[in-house]
PDB file of N, CA and C in Angstrom:
ATOM      1  N   MET A   1      14.253   9.260 -12.190  1.00  0.00           N
ATOM      2  CA  MET A   1      13.759   7.956 -11.802  1.00  0.00           C
ATOM      3  C   MET A   1      12.233   7.961 -11.861  1.00  0.00           C
ATOM      4  N   GLY A   2      11.652   6.829 -12.146  1.00  0.00           N
ATOM      5  CA  GLY A   2      10.231   6.681 -12.290  1.00  0.00           C
ATOM      6  C   GLY A   2       9.581   6.103 -11.061  1.00  0.00           C
ATOM      7  N   ALA A   3       8.284   5.850 -11.187  1.00  0.00           N
ATOM      8  CA  ALA A   3       7.539   5.268 -10.108  1.00  0.00           C
ATOM      9  C   ALA A   3       6.430   4.399 -10.697  1.00  0.00           C
ATOM     10  N   SER A   4       6.134   3.345  -9.985  1.00  0.00           N
ATOM     11  CA  SER A   4       5.038   2.439 -10.398  1.00  0.00           C
ATOM     12  C   SER A   4       4.018   2.448  -9.264  1.00  0.00           C
ATOM     13  N   PHE A   5       2.732   2.544  -9.648  1.00  0.00           N
ATOM     14  CA  PHE A   5       1.675   2.496  -8.674  1.00  0.00           C
ATOM     15  C   PHE A   5       1.229   1.070  -8.465  1.00  0.00           C
ATOM     16  N   ASN A   6       1.219   0.655  -7.173  1.00  0.00           N
ATOM     17  CA  ASN A   6       0.848  -0.691  -6.822  1.00  0.00           C
ATOM     18  C   ASN A   6      -0.299  -0.677  -5.824  1.00  0.00           C
ATOM     19  N   THR A   7      -1.143  -1.697  -5.910  1.00  0.00           N
ATOM     20  CA  THR A   7      -2.179  -1.898  -4.896  1.00  0.00           C
ATOM     21  C   THR A   7      -2.228  -3.359  -4.508  1.00  0.00           C
ATOM     22  N   MET A   8      -2.797  -3.574  -3.342  1.00  0.00           N
ATOM     23  CA  MET A   8      -3.068  -4.921  -2.857  1.00  0.00           C
ATOM     24  C   MET A   8      -4.198  -4.805  -1.872  1.00  0.00           C
ATOM     25  N   LYS A   9      -4.947  -5.895  -1.707  1.00  0.00           N
ATOM     26  CA  LYS A   9      -5.989  -5.992  -0.712  1.00  0.00           C
ATOM     27  C   LYS A   9      -5.499  -6.804   0.478  1.00  0.00           C
ATOM     28  N   ALA A  10      -5.953  -6.454   1.634  1.00  0.00           N
ATOM     29  CA  ALA A  10      -5.650  -7.237   2.840  1.00  0.00           C
ATOM     30  C   ALA A  10      -6.846  -7.188   3.749  1.00  0.00           C
ATOM     31  N   LYS A  11      -7.072  -8.259   4.477  1.00  0.00           N
ATOM     32  CA  LYS A  11      -8.249  -8.370   5.354  1.00  0.00           C
ATOM     33  C   LYS A  11      -7.783  -8.728   6.752  1.00  0.00           C
ATOM     34  N   GLY A  12      -8.386  -8.069   7.740  1.00  0.00           N
ATOM     35  CA  GLY A  12      -8.085  -8.329   9.147  1.00  0.00           C
ATOM     36  C   GLY A  12      -8.051  -7.028   9.945  1.00  0.00           C
ATOM     37  N   THR A  13      -7.567  -7.137  11.170  1.00  0.00           N
ATOM     38  CA  THR A  13      -7.392  -5.960  12.011  1.00  0.00           C
ATOM     39  C   THR A  13      -6.254  -5.136  11.410  1.00  0.00           C
ATOM     40  N   GLN A  14      -6.096  -3.891  11.917  1.00  0.00           N
ATOM     41  CA  GLN A  14      -5.011  -3.086  11.397  1.00  0.00           C
ATOM     42  C   GLN A  14      -3.661  -3.747  11.662  1.00  0.00           C
ATOM     43  N   ALA A  15      -3.514  -4.409  12.772  1.00  0.00           N
ATOM     44  CA  ALA A  15      -2.247  -5.108  13.100  1.00  0.00           C
ATOM     45  C   ALA A  15      -2.017  -6.255  12.112  1.00  0.00           C
ATOM     46  N   GLU A  16      -3.082  -6.981  11.784  1.00  0.00           N
ATOM     47  CA  GLU A  16      -2.951  -8.089  10.826  1.00  0.00           C
ATOM     48  C   GLU A  16      -2.669  -7.580   9.438  1.00  0.00           C
ATOM     49  N   VAL A  17      -3.328  -6.499   9.034  1.00  0.00           N
ATOM     50  CA  VAL A  17      -3.084  -5.902   7.711  1.00  0.00           C
ATOM     51  C   VAL A  17      -1.665  -5.424   7.630  1.00  0.00           C
ATOM     52  N   ARG A  18      -1.166  -4.774   8.670  1.00  0.00           N
ATOM     53  CA  ARG A  18       0.220  -4.301   8.687  1.00  0.00           C
ATOM     54  C   ARG A  18       1.192  -5.502   8.540  1.00  0.00           C
ATOM     55  N   ALA A  19       0.950  -6.577   9.217  1.00  0.00           N
ATOM     56  CA  ALA A  19       1.798  -7.732   9.114  1.00  0.00           C
ATOM     57  C   ALA A  19       1.771  -8.363   7.686  1.00  0.00           C
ATOM     58  N   ILE A  20       0.583  -8.365   7.089  1.00  0.00           N
ATOM     59  CA  ILE A  20       0.434  -8.845   5.686  1.00  0.00           C
ATOM     60  C   ILE A  20       1.230  -7.980   4.766  1.00  0.00           C
ATOM     61  N   PHE A  21       1.148  -6.662   4.930  1.00  0.00           N
ATOM     62  CA  PHE A  21       1.862  -5.699   4.094  1.00  0.00           C
ATOM     63  C   PHE A  21       3.377  -5.864   4.268  1.00  0.00           C
ATOM     64  N   GLU A  22       3.804  -5.988   5.519  1.00  0.00           N
ATOM     65  CA  GLU A  22       5.267  -6.115   5.772  1.00  0.00           C
ATOM     66  C   GLU A  22       5.788  -7.424   5.175  1.00  0.00           C
ATOM     67  N   ALA A  23       5.015  -8.468   5.175  1.00  0.00           N
ATOM     68  CA  ALA A  23       5.417  -9.727   4.536  1.00  0.00           C
ATOM     69  C   ALA A  23       5.549  -9.503   3.010  1.00  0.00           C
ATOM     70  N   ALA A  24       4.604  -8.760   2.436  1.00  0.00           N
ATOM     71  CA  ALA A  24       4.621  -8.479   0.998  1.00  0.00           C
ATOM     72  C   ALA A  24       5.890  -7.652   0.658  1.00  0.00           C
ATOM     73  N   GLN A  25       6.235  -6.703   1.525  1.00  0.00           N
ATOM     74  CA  GLN A  25       7.427  -5.883   1.347  1.00  0.00           C
ATOM     75  C   GLN A  25       8.689  -6.787   1.356  1.00  0.00           C
ATOM     76  N   GLU A  26       8.775  -7.643   2.326  1.00  0.00           N
ATOM     77  CA  GLU A  26       9.944  -8.511   2.437  1.00  0.00           C
ATOM     78  C   GLU A  26      10.049  -9.463   1.254  1.00  0.00           C
ATOM     79  N   GLN A  27       8.902  -9.966   0.767  1.00  0.00           N
ATOM     80  CA  GLN A  27       8.926 -10.843  -0.364  1.00  0.00           C
ATOM     81  C   GLN A  27       9.369 -10.069  -1.601  1.00  0.00           C
ATOM     82  N   ASP A  28       8.907  -8.832  -1.780  1.00  0.00           N
ATOM     83  CA  ASP A  28       9.299  -8.020  -2.898  1.00  0.00           C
ATOM     84  C   ASP A  28      10.809  -7.757  -2.852  1.00  0.00           C
ATOM     85  N   ARG A  29      11.342  -7.428  -1.681  1.00  0.00           N
ATOM     86  CA  ARG A  29      12.786  -7.166  -1.578  1.00  0.00           C
ATOM     87  C   ARG A  29      13.617  -8.431  -1.853  1.00  0.00           C
ATOM     88  N   HIS A  30      13.083  -9.580  -1.401  1.00  0.00           N
ATOM     89  CA  HIS A  30      13.781 -10.851  -1.639  1.00  0.00           C
ATOM     90  C   HIS A  30      13.817 -11.165  -3.168  1.00  0.00           C
ATOM     91  N   GLU A  31      12.720 -10.936  -3.816  1.00  0.00           N
ATOM     92  CA  GLU A  31      12.617 -11.305  -5.247  1.00  0.00           C
ATOM     93  C   GLU A  31      13.255 -10.246  -6.148  1.00  0.00           C
ATOM     94  N   ASN A  32      13.207  -8.966  -5.763  1.00  0.00           N
ATOM     95  CA  ASN A  32      13.584  -7.889  -6.672  1.00  0.00           C
ATOM     96  C   ASN A  32      14.690  -6.970  -6.186  1.00  0.00           C
ATOM     97  N   GLY A  33      15.210  -7.205  -5.025  1.00  0.00           N
ATOM     98  CA  GLY A  33      16.306  -6.405  -4.516  1.00  0.00           C
ATOM     99  C   GLY A  33      15.756  -5.237  -3.686  1.00  0.00           C
ATOM    100  N   HIS A  34      16.642  -4.424  -3.189  1.00  0.00           N
ATOM    101  CA  HIS A  34      16.275  -3.341  -2.257  1.00  0.00           C
ATOM    102  C   HIS A  34      16.305  -1.974  -2.929  1.00  0.00           C
ATOM    103  N   CYS A  35      16.590  -1.886  -4.201  1.00  0.00           N
ATOM    104  CA  CYS A  35      16.674  -0.560  -4.866  1.00  0.00           C
ATOM    105  C   CYS A  35      15.857  -0.540  -6.159  1.00  0.00           C
ATOM    106  N   TYR A  36      14.981   0.421  -6.228  1.00  0.00           N
ATOM    107  CA  TYR A  36      14.263   0.727  -7.453  1.00  0.00           C
ATOM    108  C   TYR A  36      13.573  -0.455  -8.120  1.00  0.00           C
ATOM    109  N   SER A  37      12.941  -1.273  -7.306  1.00  0.00           N
ATOM    110  CA  SER A  37      12.268  -2.463  -7.805  1.00  0.00           C
ATOM    111  C   SER A  37      10.886  -2.162  -8.401  1.00  0.00           C
ATOM    112  N   GLY A  38      10.301  -1.020  -7.984  1.00  0.00           N
ATOM    113  CA  GLY A  38       8.972  -0.688  -8.460  1.00  0.00           C
ATOM    114  C   GLY A  38       7.866  -1.433  -7.676  1.00  0.00           C
ATOM    115  N   GLY A  39       8.271  -2.127  -6.609  1.00  0.00           N
ATOM    116  CA  GLY A  39       7.334  -2.886  -5.814  1.00  0.00           C
ATOM    117  C   GLY A  39       7.185  -2.332  -4.411  1.00  0.00           C
ATOM    118  N   PHE A  40       6.333  -2.962  -3.619  1.00  0.00           N
ATOM    119  CA  PHE A  40       6.033  -2.499  -2.283  1.00  0.00           C
ATOM    120  C   PHE A  40       7.276  -2.404  -1.376  1.00  0.00           C
ATOM    121  N   GLY A  41       8.324  -3.087  -1.730  1.00  0.00           N
ATOM    122  CA  GLY A  41       9.554  -3.023  -0.942  1.00  0.00           C
ATOM    123  C   GLY A  41      10.150  -1.623  -0.921  1.00  0.00           C
ATOM    124  N   MET A  42       9.773  -0.761  -1.856  1.00  0.00           N
ATOM    125  CA  MET A  42      10.291   0.612  -1.908  1.00  0.00           C
ATOM    126  C   MET A  42       9.517   1.584  -0.982  1.00  0.00           C
ATOM    127  N   ALA A  43       8.358   1.153  -0.473  1.00  0.00           N
ATOM    128  CA  ALA A  43       7.586   2.007   0.437  1.00  0.00           C
ATOM    129  C   ALA A  43       8.287   2.003   1.812  1.00  0.00           C
ATOM    130  N   THR A  44       8.232   3.129   2.509  1.00  0.00           N
ATOM    131  CA  THR A  44       8.874   3.227   3.806  1.00  0.00           C
ATOM    132  C   THR A  44       8.128   2.572   4.958  1.00  0.00           C
ATOM    133  N   GLY A  45       6.881   2.271   4.721  1.00  0.00           N
ATOM    134  CA  GLY A  45       6.055   1.654   5.751  1.00  0.00           C
ATOM    135  C   GLY A  45       4.589   1.718   5.345  1.00  0.00           C
ATOM    136  N   LEU A  46       3.697   1.695   6.285  1.00  0.00           N
ATOM    137  CA  LEU A  46       2.260   1.704   5.998  1.00  0.00           C
ATOM    138  C   LEU A  46       1.549   2.643   6.957  1.00  0.00           C
ATOM    139  N   THR A  47       0.733   3.507   6.363  1.00  0.00           N
ATOM    140  CA  THR A  47      -0.132   4.445   7.171  1.00  0.00           C
ATOM    141  C   THR A  47      -1.588   4.133   6.841  1.00  0.00           C
ATOM    142  N   PHE A  48      -2.425   4.068   7.834  1.00  0.00           N
ATOM    143  CA  PHE A  48      -3.873   3.867   7.641  1.00  0.00           C
ATOM    144  C   PHE A  48      -4.557   5.228   7.522  1.00  0.00           C
ATOM    145  N   SER A  49      -5.469   5.342   6.593  1.00  0.00           N
ATOM    146  CA  SER A  49      -6.224   6.573   6.464  1.00  0.00           C
ATOM    147  C   SER A  49      -7.048   6.722   7.763  1.00  0.00           C
ATOM    148  N   HIS A  50      -7.003   7.954   8.276  1.00  0.00           N
ATOM    149  CA  HIS A  50      -7.775   8.233   9.503  1.00  0.00           C
ATOM    150  C   HIS A  50      -9.217   8.508   9.256  1.00  0.00           C
ATOM    151  N   SER A  51      -9.573   8.568   8.002  1.00  0.00           N
ATOM    152  CA  SER A  51     -10.962   8.809   7.617  1.00  0.00           C
ATOM    153  C   SER A  51     -11.857   7.617   7.972  1.00  0.00           C
ATOM    154  N   ASN A  52     -13.060   7.870   8.358  1.00  0.00           N
ATOM    155  CA  ASN A  52     -14.015   6.788   8.581  1.00  0.00           C
ATOM    156  C   ASN A  52     -14.760   6.422   7.316  1.00  0.00           C
ATOM    157  N   VAL A  53     -14.352   7.006   6.215  1.00  0.00           N
ATOM    158  CA  VAL A  53     -15.014   6.714   4.930  1.00  0.00           C
ATOM    159  C   VAL A  53     -14.793   5.259   4.564  1.00  0.00           C
ATOM    160  N   VAL A  54     -15.827   4.597   4.097  1.00  0.00           N
ATOM    161  CA  VAL A  54     -15.729   3.254   3.544  1.00  0.00           C
ATOM    162  C   VAL A  54     -15.799   3.447   2.005  1.00  0.00           C
ATOM    163  N   TYR A  55     -14.770   3.064   1.314  1.00  0.00           N
ATOM    164  CA  TYR A  55     -14.688   3.323  -0.118  1.00  0.00           C
ATOM    165  C   TYR A  55     -15.162   2.118  -0.953  1.00  0.00           C
ATOM    166  N   THR A  56     -15.592   2.429  -2.159  1.00  0.00           N
ATOM    167  CA  THR A  56     -15.726   1.405  -3.175  1.00  0.00           C
ATOM    168  C   THR A  56     -14.302   1.131  -3.660  1.00  0.00           C
ATOM    169  N   GLU A  57     -14.099   0.013  -4.339  1.00  0.00           N
ATOM    170  CA  GLU A  57     -12.725  -0.243  -4.797  1.00  0.00           C
ATOM    171  C   GLU A  57     -12.226   0.817  -5.780  1.00  0.00           C
ATOM    172  N   SER A  58     -13.051   1.264  -6.700  1.00  0.00           N
ATOM    173  CA  SER A  58     -12.593   2.288  -7.636  1.00  0.00           C
ATOM    174  C   SER A  58     -12.377   3.619  -6.940  1.00  0.00           C
ATOM    175  N   GLY A  59     -13.220   3.977  -5.980  1.00  0.00           N
ATOM    176  CA  GLY A  59     -13.021   5.202  -5.222  1.00  0.00           C
ATOM    177  C   GLY A  59     -11.790   5.162  -4.392  1.00  0.00           C
ATOM    178  N   ALA A  60     -11.523   3.984  -3.810  1.00  0.00           N
ATOM    179  CA  ALA A  60     -10.315   3.853  -2.998  1.00  0.00           C
ATOM    180  C   ALA A  60      -9.078   3.989  -3.833  1.00  0.00           C
ATOM    181  N   GLU A  61      -9.088   3.363  -5.012  1.00  0.00           N
ATOM    182  CA  GLU A  61      -7.905   3.447  -5.864  1.00  0.00           C
ATOM    183  C   GLU A  61      -7.647   4.886  -6.311  1.00  0.00           C
ATOM    184  N   ALA A  62      -8.741   5.616  -6.676  1.00  0.00           N
ATOM    185  CA  ALA A  62      -8.601   7.010  -7.073  1.00  0.00           C
ATOM    186  C   ALA A  62      -7.983   7.835  -5.927  1.00  0.00           C
ATOM    187  N   PHE A  63      -8.507   7.634  -4.700  1.00  0.00           N
ATOM    188  CA  PHE A  63      -7.972   8.334  -3.517  1.00  0.00           C
ATOM    189  C   PHE A  63      -6.509   8.047  -3.373  1.00  0.00           C
ATOM    190  N   LEU A  64      -6.129   6.769  -3.447  1.00  0.00           N
ATOM    191  CA  LEU A  64      -4.732   6.381  -3.247  1.00  0.00           C
ATOM    192  C   LEU A  64      -3.820   6.963  -4.301  1.00  0.00           C
ATOM    193  N   VAL A  65      -4.216   6.906  -5.552  1.00  0.00           N
ATOM    194  CA  VAL A  65      -3.409   7.479  -6.651  1.00  0.00           C
ATOM    195  C   VAL A  65      -3.121   8.952  -6.361  1.00  0.00           C
ATOM    196  N   ASP A  66      -4.137   9.694  -5.907  1.00  0.00           N
ATOM    197  CA  ASP A  66      -3.994  11.125  -5.639  1.00  0.00           C
ATOM    198  C   ASP A  66      -3.221  11.437  -4.367  1.00  0.00           C
ATOM    199  N   ASN A  67      -3.215  10.558  -3.397  1.00  0.00           N
ATOM    200  CA  ASN A  67      -2.669  10.895  -2.083  1.00  0.00           C
ATOM    201  C   ASN A  67      -1.366  10.181  -1.712  1.00  0.00           C
ATOM    202  N   CYS A  68      -0.990   9.131  -2.417  1.00  0.00           N
ATOM    203  CA  CYS A  68       0.266   8.466  -2.108  1.00  0.00           C
ATOM    204  C   CYS A  68       1.424   9.259  -2.691  1.00  0.00           C
ATOM    205  N   GLU A  69       2.567   9.185  -2.072  1.00  0.00           N
ATOM    206  CA  GLU A  69       3.766   9.904  -2.511  1.00  0.00           C
ATOM    207  C   GLU A  69       4.933   8.922  -2.672  1.00  0.00           C
ATOM    208  N   LYS A  70       5.673   9.112  -3.721  1.00  0.00           N
ATOM    209  CA  LYS A  70       6.876   8.318  -3.968  1.00  0.00           C
ATOM    210  C   LYS A  70       7.851   8.524  -2.780  1.00  0.00           C
ATOM    211  N   TRP A  71       8.495   7.483  -2.342  1.00  0.00           N
ATOM    212  CA  TRP A  71       9.464   7.470  -1.240  1.00  0.00           C
ATOM    213  C   TRP A  71       8.810   7.643   0.120  1.00  0.00           C
ATOM    214  N   GLU A  72       7.496   7.539   0.212  1.00  0.00           N
ATOM    215  CA  GLU A  72       6.799   7.683   1.498  1.00  0.00           C
ATOM    216  C   GLU A  72       6.100   6.357   1.802  1.00  0.00           C
ATOM    217  N   ASP A  73       5.348   6.373   2.932  1.00  0.00           N
ATOM    218  CA  ASP A  73       4.572   5.187   3.335  1.00  0.00           C
ATOM    219  C   ASP A  73       3.503   4.853   2.286  1.00  0.00           C
ATOM    220  N   ALA A  74       3.203   3.587   2.196  1.00  0.00           N
ATOM    221  CA  ALA A  74       1.997   3.156   1.474  1.00  0.00           C
ATOM    222  C   ALA A  74       0.820   3.624   2.328  1.00  0.00           C
ATOM    223  N   LEU A  75      -0.368   3.792   1.698  1.00  0.00           N
ATOM    224  CA  LEU A  75      -1.553   4.175   2.434  1.00  0.00           C
ATOM    225  C   LEU A  75      -2.591   3.064   2.331  1.00  0.00           C
ATOM    226  N   ALA A  76      -3.346   2.862   3.397  1.00  0.00           N
ATOM    227  CA  ALA A  76      -4.403   1.868   3.445  1.00  0.00           C
ATOM    228  C   ALA A  76      -5.739   2.561   3.702  1.00  0.00           C
ATOM    229  N   VAL A  77      -6.731   2.221   2.893  1.00  0.00           N
ATOM    230  CA  VAL A  77      -8.124   2.766   3.077  1.00  0.00           C
ATOM    231  C   VAL A  77      -9.066   1.598   3.218  1.00  0.00           C
ATOM    232  N   ARG A  78     -10.118   1.807   3.967  1.00  0.00           N
ATOM    233  CA  ARG A  78     -11.066   0.721   4.253  1.00  0.00           C
ATOM    234  C   ARG A  78     -12.045   0.518   3.103  1.00  0.00           C
ATOM    235  N   LEU A  79     -12.208  -0.717   2.708  1.00  0.00           N
ATOM    236  CA  LEU A  79     -13.174  -1.110   1.718  1.00  0.00           C
ATOM    237  C   LEU A  79     -14.467  -1.618   2.379  1.00  0.00           C
ATOM    238  N   THR A  80     -14.302  -2.482   3.420  1.00  0.00           N
ATOM    239  CA  THR A  80     -15.421  -3.019   4.169  1.00  0.00           C
ATOM    240  C   THR A  80     -15.004  -2.998   5.616  1.00  0.00           C
ATOM    241  N   GLY A  81     -15.744  -3.644   6.482  1.00  0.00           N
ATOM    242  CA  GLY A  81     -15.427  -3.661   7.925  1.00  0.00           C
ATOM    243  C   GLY A  81     -14.000  -4.079   8.230  1.00  0.00           C
ATOM    244  N   ASP A  82     -13.475  -5.086   7.548  1.00  0.00           N
ATOM    245  CA  ASP A  82     -12.122  -5.562   7.876  1.00  0.00           C
ATOM    246  C   ASP A  82     -11.274  -5.757   6.627  1.00  0.00           C
ATOM    247  N   GLU A  83     -11.647  -5.159   5.483  1.00  0.00           N
ATOM    248  CA  GLU A  83     -10.885  -5.275   4.288  1.00  0.00           C
ATOM    249  C   GLU A  83     -10.345  -3.907   3.870  1.00  0.00           C
ATOM    250  N   TYR A  84      -9.096  -3.896   3.485  1.00  0.00           N
ATOM    251  CA  TYR A  84      -8.425  -2.639   3.127  1.00  0.00           C
ATOM    252  C   TYR A  84      -7.801  -2.732   1.756  1.00  0.00           C
ATOM    253  N   LEU A  85      -7.713  -1.604   1.050  1.00  0.00           N
ATOM    254  CA  LEU A  85      -6.951  -1.505  -0.146  1.00  0.00           C
ATOM    255  C   LEU A  85      -5.717  -0.678   0.169  1.00  0.00           C
ATOM    256  N   ILE A  86      -4.534  -1.194  -0.166  1.00  0.00           N
ATOM    257  CA  ILE A  86      -3.290  -0.555   0.135  1.00  0.00           C
ATOM    258  C   ILE A  86      -2.707  -0.118  -1.209  1.00  0.00           C
ATOM    259  N   GLY A  87      -2.183   1.101  -1.236  1.00  0.00           N
ATOM    260  CA  GLY A  87      -1.571   1.614  -2.471  1.00  0.00           C
ATOM    261  C   GLY A  87      -0.283   2.358  -2.153  1.00  0.00           C
ATOM    262  N   ALA A  88       0.583   2.387  -3.147  1.00  0.00           N
ATOM    263  CA  ALA A  88       1.856   3.125  -2.984  1.00  0.00           C
ATOM    264  C   ALA A  88       2.453   3.418  -4.374  1.00  0.00           C
ATOM    265  N   TRP A  89       3.057   4.610  -4.523  1.00  0.00           N
ATOM    266  CA  TRP A  89       3.889   4.920  -5.642  1.00  0.00           C
ATOM    267  C   TRP A  89       5.294   4.453  -5.286  1.00  0.00           C
ATOM    268  N   CYS A  90       5.812   3.475  -6.025  1.00  0.00           N
ATOM    269  CA  CYS A  90       7.054   2.803  -5.646  1.00  0.00           C
ATOM    270  C   CYS A  90       8.143   3.103  -6.702  1.00  0.00           C
ATOM    271  N   ALA A  91       9.275   3.499  -6.200  1.00  0.00           N
ATOM    272  CA  ALA A  91      10.399   3.932  -7.086  1.00  0.00           C
ATOM    273  C   ALA A  91      10.831   2.752  -7.977  1.00  0.00           C
ATOM    274  N   CYS A  92      11.103   3.109  -9.230  1.00  0.00           N
ATOM    275  CA  CYS A  92      11.636   2.081 -10.173  1.00  0.00           C
ATOM    276  C   CYS A  92      12.607   2.751 -11.111  1.00  0.00           C
TER     277      CYS A  92
END
């Protein structure tokens, strides 16, 4: 089975970002099903990076590509004070 790397931006508190991500997961599952869609619906949840690093968008994407795992949580890293880049390797 393969995997597709996906990213999305979300802005707000961690609770708001989590809610935005969960809504994106539900939308993906509604549109593409619950198995091997290659979308965020395949991630098990969302984990925020504990690092205090503020990334550039390209630096954040490189970090996420290297640190996300298929069948695991999506990861969120901070771009600015309240903006995050979320990434996940999603089964397809």
